[in-house]
Amino acid sequence: HTVRGHAEISQGVLGRRASGAAGPGSHTAHLISTTNAWTIDENTLRGLSVFSFYGDTDKVPVLRTMGQYDNTFRKVDGVWLLSHRIISRI
């Protein structure tokens, strides 16, 4: 499943919130850890981060999914912006 661009990403986030799968009151937690980053060139960085997503955080938390973000950042007008992300689930 591929999601591209700000509009599609936003639509997915809003859909998950509307369904109660994520967001305020959903009793979920999205944790990001173990981030490694390195410079590709003066305007490009790459970073790998491990994530885990838990449900039922109001009771005994249950791991629902985990994986890795492979991010590319680009500097545009002096500001670092996320330009590309690949999500790999474990």
PDB file of N, CA and C in Angstrom:
ATOM      1  N   HIS A   1       0.851  -1.171   0.000  1.00  0.00           N
ATOM      2  CA  HIS A   1       0.000   0.000   0.000  1.00  0.00           C
ATOM      3  C   HIS A   1       0.894   1.230   0.000  1.00  0.00           C
ATOM      4  N   THR A   2       0.724   2.090  -0.988  1.00  0.00           N
ATOM      5  CA  THR A   2       1.553   3.280  -1.113  1.00  0.00           C
ATOM      6  C   THR A   2       0.706   4.524  -0.900  1.00  0.00           C
ATOM      7  N   VAL A   3       1.201   5.420  -0.067  1.00  0.00           N
ATOM      8  CA  VAL A   3       0.562   6.712   0.172  1.00  0.00           C
ATOM      9  C   VAL A   3       1.546   7.772  -0.271  1.00  0.00           C
ATOM     10  N   ARG A   4       1.087   8.721  -1.075  1.00  0.00           N
ATOM     11  CA  ARG A   4       1.983   9.745  -1.605  1.00  0.00           C
ATOM     12  C   ARG A   4       1.425  11.139  -1.346  1.00  0.00           C
ATOM     13  N   GLY A   5       2.317  12.017  -0.923  1.00  0.00           N
ATOM     14  CA  GLY A   5       1.973  13.428  -0.799  1.00  0.00           C
ATOM     15  C   GLY A   5       1.236  13.785   0.479  1.00  0.00           C
ATOM     16  N   HIS A   6       1.269  15.083   0.769  1.00  0.00           N
ATOM     17  CA  HIS A   6       0.669  15.589   2.003  1.00  0.00           C
ATOM     18  C   HIS A   6      -0.827  15.315   2.079  1.00  0.00           C
ATOM     19  N   ALA A   7      -1.544  15.473   0.964  1.00  0.00           N
ATOM     20  CA  ALA A   7      -3.000  15.293   0.980  1.00  0.00           C
ATOM     21  C   ALA A   7      -3.378  13.858   1.339  1.00  0.00           C
ATOM     22  N   GLU A   8      -2.722  12.864   0.744  1.00  0.00           N
ATOM     23  CA  GLU A   8      -3.043  11.463   1.041  1.00  0.00           C
ATOM     24  C   GLU A   8      -2.660  11.097   2.468  1.00  0.00           C
ATOM     25  N   ILE A   9      -1.529  11.603   2.927  1.00  0.00           N
ATOM     26  CA  ILE A   9      -1.104  11.333   4.306  1.00  0.00           C
ATOM     27  C   ILE A   9      -2.116  11.927   5.278  1.00  0.00           C
ATOM     28  N   SER A  10      -2.507  13.173   5.057  1.00  0.00           N
ATOM     29  CA  SER A  10      -3.479  13.846   5.915  1.00  0.00           C
ATOM     30  C   SER A  10      -4.816  13.110   5.915  1.00  0.00           C
ATOM     31  N   GLN A  11      -5.255  12.669   4.751  1.00  0.00           N
ATOM     32  CA  GLN A  11      -6.516  11.930   4.637  1.00  0.00           C
ATOM     33  C   GLN A  11      -6.464  10.649   5.475  1.00  0.00           C
ATOM     34  N   GLY A  12      -5.336   9.951   5.450  1.00  0.00           N
ATOM     35  CA  GLY A  12      -5.181   8.736   6.247  1.00  0.00           C
ATOM     36  C   GLY A  12      -5.226   9.013   7.737  1.00  0.00           C
ATOM     37  N   VAL A  13      -4.532  10.068   8.164  1.00  0.00           N
ATOM     38  CA  VAL A  13      -4.524  10.439   9.583  1.00  0.00           C
ATOM     39  C   VAL A  13      -5.935  10.792  10.037  1.00  0.00           C
ATOM     40  N   LEU A  14      -6.620  11.625   9.264  1.00  0.00           N
ATOM     41  CA  LEU A  14      -7.979  12.031   9.632  1.00  0.00           C
ATOM     42  C   LEU A  14      -8.933  10.838   9.649  1.00  0.00           C
ATOM     43  N   GLY A  15      -8.755   9.903   8.720  1.00  0.00           N
ATOM     44  CA  GLY A  15      -9.589   8.706   8.695  1.00  0.00           C
ATOM     45  C   GLY A  15      -9.391   7.836   9.922  1.00  0.00           C
ATOM     46  N   ARG A  16      -8.127   7.659  10.335  1.00  0.00           N
ATOM     47  CA  ARG A  16      -7.844   6.854  11.532  1.00  0.00           C
ATOM     48  C   ARG A  16      -8.410   7.527  12.778  1.00  0.00           C
ATOM     49  N   ARG A  17      -8.326   8.853  12.829  1.00  0.00           N
ATOM     50  CA  ARG A  17      -8.896   9.562  13.979  1.00  0.00           C
ATOM     51  C   ARG A  17     -10.417   9.459  13.989  1.00  0.00           C
ATOM     52  N   ALA A  18     -11.041   9.615  12.829  1.00  0.00           N
ATOM     53  CA  ALA A  18     -12.506   9.545  12.741  1.00  0.00           C
ATOM     54  C   ALA A  18     -13.026   8.163  13.132  1.00  0.00           C
ATOM     55  N   SER A  19     -12.265   7.118  12.815  1.00  0.00           N
ATOM     56  CA  SER A  19     -12.695   5.751  13.141  1.00  0.00           C
ATOM     57  C   SER A  19     -12.392   5.371  14.587  1.00  0.00           C
ATOM     58  N   GLY A  20     -11.617   6.214  15.282  1.00  0.00           N
ATOM     59  CA  GLY A  20     -11.240   5.915  16.659  1.00  0.00           C
ATOM     60  C   GLY A  20     -10.029   5.016  16.781  1.00  0.00           C
ATOM     61  N   ALA A  21      -9.369   4.715  15.649  1.00  0.00           N
ATOM     62  CA  ALA A  21      -8.193   3.839  15.664  1.00  0.00           C
ATOM     63  C   ALA A  21      -6.953   4.535  16.210  1.00  0.00           C
ATOM     64  N   ALA A  22      -6.936   5.858  16.184  1.00  0.00           N
ATOM     65  CA  ALA A  22      -5.791   6.634  16.671  1.00  0.00           C
ATOM     66  C   ALA A  22      -6.291   8.014  17.087  1.00  0.00           C
ATOM     67  N   GLY A  23      -5.435   8.729  17.801  1.00  0.00           N
ATOM     68  CA  GLY A  23      -5.788  10.084  18.214  1.00  0.00           C
ATOM     69  C   GLY A  23      -6.365  10.135  19.612  1.00  0.00           C
ATOM     70  N   PRO A  24      -6.788  11.324  20.040  1.00  0.00           N
ATOM     71  CA  PRO A  24      -7.319  11.512  21.390  1.00  0.00           C
ATOM     72  C   PRO A  24      -8.476  10.558  21.690  1.00  0.00           C
ATOM     73  N   GLY A  25      -8.414   9.930  22.861  1.00  0.00           N
ATOM     74  CA  GLY A  25      -9.471   9.029  23.289  1.00  0.00           C
ATOM     75  C   GLY A  25      -9.386   7.619  22.733  1.00  0.00           C
ATOM     76  N   SER A  26      -8.394   7.340  21.898  1.00  0.00           N
ATOM     77  CA  SER A  26      -8.284   6.015  21.271  1.00  0.00           C
ATOM     78  C   SER A  26      -7.521   5.011  22.125  1.00  0.00           C
ATOM     79  N   HIS A  27      -6.924   5.477  23.206  1.00  0.00           N
ATOM     80  CA  HIS A  27      -6.133   4.615  24.088  1.00  0.00           C
ATOM     81  C   HIS A  27      -5.029   3.901  23.314  1.00  0.00           C
ATOM     82  N   THR A  28      -4.295   4.691  22.514  1.00  0.00           N
ATOM     83  CA  THR A  28      -3.171   4.172  21.738  1.00  0.00           C
ATOM     84  C   THR A  28      -1.931   5.008  22.018  1.00  0.00           C
ATOM     85  N   ALA A  29      -0.780   4.447  21.713  1.00  0.00           N
ATOM     86  CA  ALA A  29       0.491   5.163  21.846  1.00  0.00           C
ATOM     87  C   ALA A  29       1.397   4.773  20.684  1.00  0.00           C
ATOM     88  N   HIS A  30       2.016   5.765  20.086  1.00  0.00           N
ATOM     89  CA  HIS A  30       2.938   5.579  18.965  1.00  0.00           C
ATOM     90  C   HIS A  30       4.312   5.996  19.472  1.00  0.00           C
ATOM     91  N   LEU A  31       5.206   5.046  19.617  1.00  0.00           N
ATOM     92  CA  LEU A  31       6.527   5.304  20.182  1.00  0.00           C
ATOM     93  C   LEU A  31       7.592   5.174  19.104  1.00  0.00           C
ATOM     94  N   ILE A  32       8.522   6.131  19.085  1.00  0.00           N
ATOM     95  CA  ILE A  32       9.634   6.111  18.132  1.00  0.00           C
ATOM     96  C   ILE A  32      10.923   6.078  18.935  1.00  0.00           C
ATOM     97  N   SER A  33      11.835   5.166  18.564  1.00  0.00           N
ATOM     98  CA  SER A  33      13.098   5.031  19.296  1.00  0.00           C
ATOM     99  C   SER A  33      14.208   4.627  18.346  1.00  0.00           C
ATOM    100  N   THR A  34      15.392   4.558  18.874  1.00  0.00           N
ATOM    101  CA  THR A  34      16.566   4.078  18.153  1.00  0.00           C
ATOM    102  C   THR A  34      16.672   4.717  16.772  1.00  0.00           C
ATOM    103  N   THR A  35      16.904   6.023  16.761  1.00  0.00           N
ATOM    104  CA  THR A  35      17.055   6.753  15.502  1.00  0.00           C
ATOM    105  C   THR A  35      18.532   6.910  15.177  1.00  0.00           C
ATOM    106  N   ASN A  36      18.898   6.520  13.975  1.00  0.00           N
ATOM    107  CA  ASN A  36      20.244   6.732  13.452  1.00  0.00           C
ATOM    108  C   ASN A  36      20.119   7.638  12.242  1.00  0.00           C
ATOM    109  N   ALA A  37      20.964   8.664  12.167  1.00  0.00           N
ATOM    110  CA  ALA A  37      20.899   9.604  11.040  1.00  0.00           C
ATOM    111  C   ALA A  37      22.300   9.856  10.513  1.00  0.00           C
ATOM    112  N   TRP A  38      22.382  10.103   9.214  1.00  0.00           N
ATOM    113  CA  TRP A  38      23.660  10.426   8.613  1.00  0.00           C
ATOM    114  C   TRP A  38      23.450  11.365   7.437  1.00  0.00           C
ATOM    115  N   THR A  39      24.513  12.102   7.122  1.00  0.00           N
ATOM    116  CA  THR A  39      24.492  13.090   6.051  1.00  0.00           C
ATOM    117  C   THR A  39      24.790  12.421   4.720  1.00  0.00           C
ATOM    118  N   ILE A  40      23.951  12.704   3.725  1.00  0.00           N
ATOM    119  CA  ILE A  40      24.192  12.252   2.357  1.00  0.00           C
ATOM    120  C   ILE A  40      24.989  13.328   1.622  1.00  0.00           C
ATOM    121  N   ASP A  41      24.529  14.558   1.727  1.00  0.00           N
ATOM    122  CA  ASP A  41      25.250  15.726   1.220  1.00  0.00           C
ATOM    123  C   ASP A  41      24.777  16.928   2.034  1.00  0.00           C
ATOM    124  N   GLU A  42      25.218  18.124   1.688  1.00  0.00           N
ATOM    125  CA  GLU A  42      24.922  19.290   2.534  1.00  0.00           C
ATOM    126  C   GLU A  42      23.433  19.627   2.614  1.00  0.00           C
ATOM    127  N   ASN A  43      22.641  19.112   1.702  1.00  0.00           N
ATOM    128  CA  ASN A  43      21.201  19.385   1.699  1.00  0.00           C
ATOM    129  C   ASN A  43      20.337  18.143   1.861  1.00  0.00           C
ATOM    130  N   THR A  44      20.959  17.003   2.196  1.00  0.00           N
ATOM    131  CA  THR A  44      20.208  15.749   2.303  1.00  0.00           C
ATOM    132  C   THR A  44      20.686  14.948   3.514  1.00  0.00           C
ATOM    133  N   LEU A  45      19.743  14.522   4.340  1.00  0.00           N
ATOM    134  CA  LEU A  45      20.006  13.631   5.467  1.00  0.00           C
ATOM    135  C   LEU A  45      19.137  12.397   5.311  1.00  0.00           C
ATOM    136  N   ARG A  46      19.611  11.305   5.863  1.00  0.00           N
ATOM    137  CA  ARG A  46      18.813  10.084   5.898  1.00  0.00           C
ATOM    138  C   ARG A  46      18.768   9.600   7.332  1.00  0.00           C
ATOM    139  N   GLY A  47      17.632   9.096   7.752  1.00  0.00           N
ATOM    140  CA  GLY A  47      17.487   8.604   9.108  1.00  0.00           C
ATOM    141  C   GLY A  47      16.638   7.351   9.163  1.00  0.00           C
ATOM    142  N   LEU A  48      17.052   6.399   9.995  1.00  0.00           N
ATOM    143  CA  LEU A  48      16.291   5.174  10.242  1.00  0.00           C
ATOM    144  C   LEU A  48      15.816   5.192  11.687  1.00  0.00           C
ATOM    145  N   SER A  49      14.533   4.949  11.903  1.00  0.00           N
ATOM    146  CA  SER A  49      13.956   4.932  13.243  1.00  0.00           C
ATOM    147  C   SER A  49      13.092   3.694  13.405  1.00  0.00           C
ATOM    148  N   VAL A  50      13.117   3.123  14.594  1.00  0.00           N
ATOM    149  CA  VAL A  50      12.258   1.997  14.935  1.00  0.00           C
ATOM    150  C   VAL A  50      10.996   2.561  15.592  1.00  0.00           C
ATOM    151  N   PHE A  51       9.817   2.004  15.239  1.00  0.00           N
ATOM    152  CA  PHE A  51       8.582   2.452  15.876  1.00  0.00           C
ATOM    153  C   PHE A  51       7.797   1.259  16.400  1.00  0.00           C
ATOM    154  N   SER A  52       6.965   1.536  17.384  1.00  0.00           N
ATOM    155  CA  SER A  52       5.998   0.552  17.873  1.00  0.00           C
ATOM    156  C   SER A  52       4.690   1.285  18.156  1.00  0.00           C
ATOM    157  N   PHE A  53       3.582   0.602  17.924  1.00  0.00           N
ATOM    158  CA  PHE A  53       2.257   1.185  18.104  1.00  0.00           C
ATOM    159  C   PHE A  53       1.458   0.269  19.018  1.00  0.00           C
ATOM    160  N   TYR A  54       0.997   0.825  20.132  1.00  0.00           N
ATOM    161  CA  TYR A  54       0.288   0.064  21.154  1.00  0.00           C
ATOM    162  C   TYR A  54      -1.174   0.482  21.229  1.00  0.00           C
ATOM    163  N   GLY A  55      -2.033  -0.475  21.492  1.00  0.00           N
ATOM    164  CA  GLY A  55      -3.442  -0.216  21.768  1.00  0.00           C
ATOM    165  C   GLY A  55      -3.767  -0.603  23.193  1.00  0.00           C
ATOM    166  N   ASP A  56      -4.976  -0.320  23.620  1.00  0.00           N
ATOM    167  CA  ASP A  56      -5.465  -0.649  24.965  1.00  0.00           C
ATOM    168  C   ASP A  56      -4.581  -0.059  26.058  1.00  0.00           C
ATOM    169  N   THR A  57      -4.105   1.162  25.846  1.00  0.00           N
ATOM    170  CA  THR A  57      -3.201   1.772  26.825  1.00  0.00           C
ATOM    171  C   THR A  57      -3.916   2.181  28.105  1.00  0.00           C
ATOM    172  N   ASP A  58      -5.245   2.112  28.115  1.00  0.00           N
ATOM    173  CA  ASP A  58      -5.992   2.380  29.338  1.00  0.00           C
ATOM    174  C   ASP A  58      -6.082   1.140  30.225  1.00  0.00           C
ATOM    175  N   LYS A  59      -5.609  -0.006  29.709  1.00  0.00           N
ATOM    176  CA  LYS A  59      -5.622  -1.273  30.450  1.00  0.00           C
ATOM    177  C   LYS A  59      -4.199  -1.823  30.442  1.00  0.00           C
ATOM    178  N   VAL A  60      -4.048  -3.028  29.929  1.00  0.00           N
ATOM    179  CA  VAL A  60      -2.726  -3.618  29.718  1.00  0.00           C
ATOM    180  C   VAL A  60      -2.381  -3.388  28.247  1.00  0.00           C
ATOM    181  N   PRO A  61      -1.391  -2.543  27.945  1.00  0.00           N
ATOM    182  CA  PRO A  61      -1.077  -2.219  26.549  1.00  0.00           C
ATOM    183  C   PRO A  61      -0.761  -3.464  25.714  1.00  0.00           C
ATOM    184  N   VAL A  62      -1.238  -3.436  24.465  1.00  0.00           N
ATOM    185  CA  VAL A  62      -1.037  -4.523  23.515  1.00  0.00           C
ATOM    186  C   VAL A  62      -0.286  -3.965  22.312  1.00  0.00           C
ATOM    187  N   LEU A  63       0.820  -4.616  21.952  1.00  0.00           N
ATOM    188  CA  LEU A  63       1.570  -4.206  20.769  1.00  0.00           C
ATOM    189  C   LEU A  63       0.754  -4.569  19.536  1.00  0.00           C
ATOM    190  N   ARG A  64       0.396  -3.557  18.729  1.00  0.00           N
ATOM    191  CA  ARG A  64      -0.405  -3.810  17.522  1.00  0.00           C
ATOM    192  C   ARG A  64       0.455  -3.934  16.275  1.00  0.00           C
ATOM    193  N   THR A  65       1.508  -3.139  16.201  1.00  0.00           N
ATOM    194  CA  THR A  65       2.424  -3.236  15.061  1.00  0.00           C
ATOM    195  C   THR A  65       3.744  -2.585  15.443  1.00  0.00           C
ATOM    196  N   MET A  66       4.774  -2.941  14.708  1.00  0.00           N
ATOM    197  CA  MET A  66       6.074  -2.298  14.884  1.00  0.00           C
ATOM    198  C   MET A  66       6.813  -2.360  13.563  1.00  0.00           C
ATOM    199  N   GLY A  67       7.825  -1.523  13.439  1.00  0.00           N
ATOM    200  CA  GLY A  67       8.569  -1.512  12.195  1.00  0.00           C
ATOM    201  C   GLY A  67       9.643  -0.448  12.184  1.00  0.00           C
ATOM    202  N   GLN A  68       9.969  -0.001  10.984  1.00  0.00           N
ATOM    203  CA  GLN A  68      11.056   0.961  10.797  1.00  0.00           C
ATOM    204  C   GLN A  68      10.621   2.048   9.817  1.00  0.00           C
ATOM    205  N   TYR A  69      10.975   3.286  10.146  1.00  0.00           N
ATOM    206  CA  TYR A  69      10.831   4.406   9.221  1.00  0.00           C
ATOM    207  C   TYR A  69      12.190   4.632   8.571  1.00  0.00           C
ATOM    208  N   ASP A  70      12.226   4.690   7.263  1.00  0.00           N
ATOM    209  CA  ASP A  70      13.423   5.050   6.500  1.00  0.00           C
ATOM    210  C   ASP A  70      13.117   6.415   5.888  1.00  0.00           C
ATOM    211  N   ASN A  71      13.642   7.468   6.508  1.00  0.00           N
ATOM    212  CA  ASN A  71      13.309   8.843   6.135  1.00  0.00           C
ATOM    213  C   ASN A  71      14.438   9.523   5.381  1.00  0.00           C
ATOM    214  N   THR A  72      14.066  10.345   4.422  1.00  0.00           N
ATOM    215  CA  THR A  72      15.002  11.242   3.751  1.00  0.00           C
ATOM    216  C   THR A  72      14.522  12.666   3.998  1.00  0.00           C
ATOM    217  N   PHE A  73      15.445  13.509   4.445  1.00  0.00           N
ATOM    218  CA  PHE A  73      15.152  14.919   4.699  1.00  0.00           C
ATOM    219  C   PHE A  73      15.950  15.767   3.726  1.00  0.00           C
ATOM    220  N   ARG A  74      15.345  16.852   3.262  1.00  0.00           N
ATOM    221  CA  ARG A  74      16.037  17.796   2.380  1.00  0.00           C
ATOM    222  C   ARG A  74      15.946  19.190   2.980  1.00  0.00           C
ATOM    223  N   LYS A  75      17.041  19.923   2.852  1.00  0.00           N
ATOM    224  CA  LYS A  75      17.056  21.305   3.319  1.00  0.00           C
ATOM    225  C   LYS A  75      16.539  22.196   2.198  1.00  0.00           C
ATOM    226  N   VAL A  76      15.459  22.936   2.489  1.00  0.00           N
ATOM    227  CA  VAL A  76      14.848  23.848   1.529  1.00  0.00           C
ATOM    228  C   VAL A  76      14.789  25.223   2.179  1.00  0.00           C
ATOM    229  N   ASP A  77      15.474  26.186   1.581  1.00  0.00           N
ATOM    230  CA  ASP A  77      15.521  27.553   2.132  1.00  0.00           C
ATOM    231  C   ASP A  77      15.947  27.551   3.598  1.00  0.00           C
ATOM    232  N   GLY A  78      16.925  26.706   3.936  1.00  0.00           N
ATOM    233  CA  GLY A  78      17.475  26.667   5.286  1.00  0.00           C
ATOM    234  C   GLY A  78      16.663  25.868   6.291  1.00  0.00           C
ATOM    235  N   VAL A  79      15.575  25.224   5.851  1.00  0.00           N
ATOM    236  CA  VAL A  79      14.708  24.452   6.746  1.00  0.00           C
ATOM    237  C   VAL A  79      14.730  22.984   6.319  1.00  0.00           C
ATOM    238  N   TRP A  80      14.929  22.077   7.284  1.00  0.00           N
ATOM    239  CA  TRP A  80      14.926  20.646   6.991  1.00  0.00           C
ATOM    240  C   TRP A  80      13.493  20.148   6.917  1.00  0.00           C
ATOM    241  N   LEU A  81      13.147  19.493   5.793  1.00  0.00           N
ATOM    242  CA  LEU A  81      11.805  18.969   5.562  1.00  0.00           C
ATOM    243  C   LEU A  81      11.869  17.482   5.237  1.00  0.00           C
ATOM    244  N   LEU A  82      10.889  16.746   5.718  1.00  0.00           N
ATOM    245  CA  LEU A  82      10.773  15.336   5.356  1.00  0.00           C
ATOM    246  C   LEU A  82      10.365  15.266   3.892  1.00  0.00           C
ATOM    247  N   SER A  83      11.178  14.606   3.078  1.00  0.00           N
ATOM    248  CA  SER A  83      10.874  14.549   1.646  1.00  0.00           C
ATOM    249  C   SER A  83      10.441  13.160   1.183  1.00  0.00           C
ATOM    250  N   HIS A  84      10.789  12.127   1.962  1.00  0.00           N
ATOM    251  CA  HIS A  84      10.445  10.769   1.529  1.00  0.00           C
ATOM    252  C   HIS A  84      10.453   9.853   2.738  1.00  0.00           C
ATOM    253  N   ARG A  85       9.505   8.924   2.797  1.00  0.00           N
ATOM    254  CA  ARG A  85       9.466   7.955   3.902  1.00  0.00           C
ATOM    255  C   ARG A  85       9.026   6.603   3.367  1.00  0.00           C
ATOM    256  N   ILE A  86       9.761   5.583   3.785  1.00  0.00           N
ATOM    257  CA  ILE A  86       9.366   4.198   3.535  1.00  0.00           C
ATOM    258  C   ILE A  86       9.100   3.569   4.901  1.00  0.00           C
ATOM    259  N   ILE A  87       7.931   2.967   5.059  1.00  0.00           N
ATOM    260  CA  ILE A  87       7.582   2.298   6.309  1.00  0.00           C
ATOM    261  C   ILE A  87       7.634   0.796   6.073  1.00  0.00           C
ATOM    262  N   SER A  88       8.472   0.124   6.849  1.00  0.00           N
ATOM    263  CA  SER A  88       8.579  -1.336   6.780  1.00  0.00           C
ATOM    264  C   SER A  88       8.066  -1.901   8.089  1.00  0.00           C
ATOM    265  N   ARG A  89       7.065  -2.743   8.019  1.00  0.00           N
ATOM    266  CA  ARG A  89       6.536  -3.361   9.232  1.00  0.00           C
ATOM    267  C   ARG A  89       7.264  -4.672   9.501  1.00  0.00           C
ATOM    268  N   ILE A  90       7.435  -4.955  10.774  1.00  0.00           N
ATOM    269  CA  ILE A  90       8.116  -6.179  11.192  1.00  0.00           C
ATOM    270  C   ILE A  90       7.063  -7.231  11.498  1.00  0.00           C
TER     271      ILE A  90
END
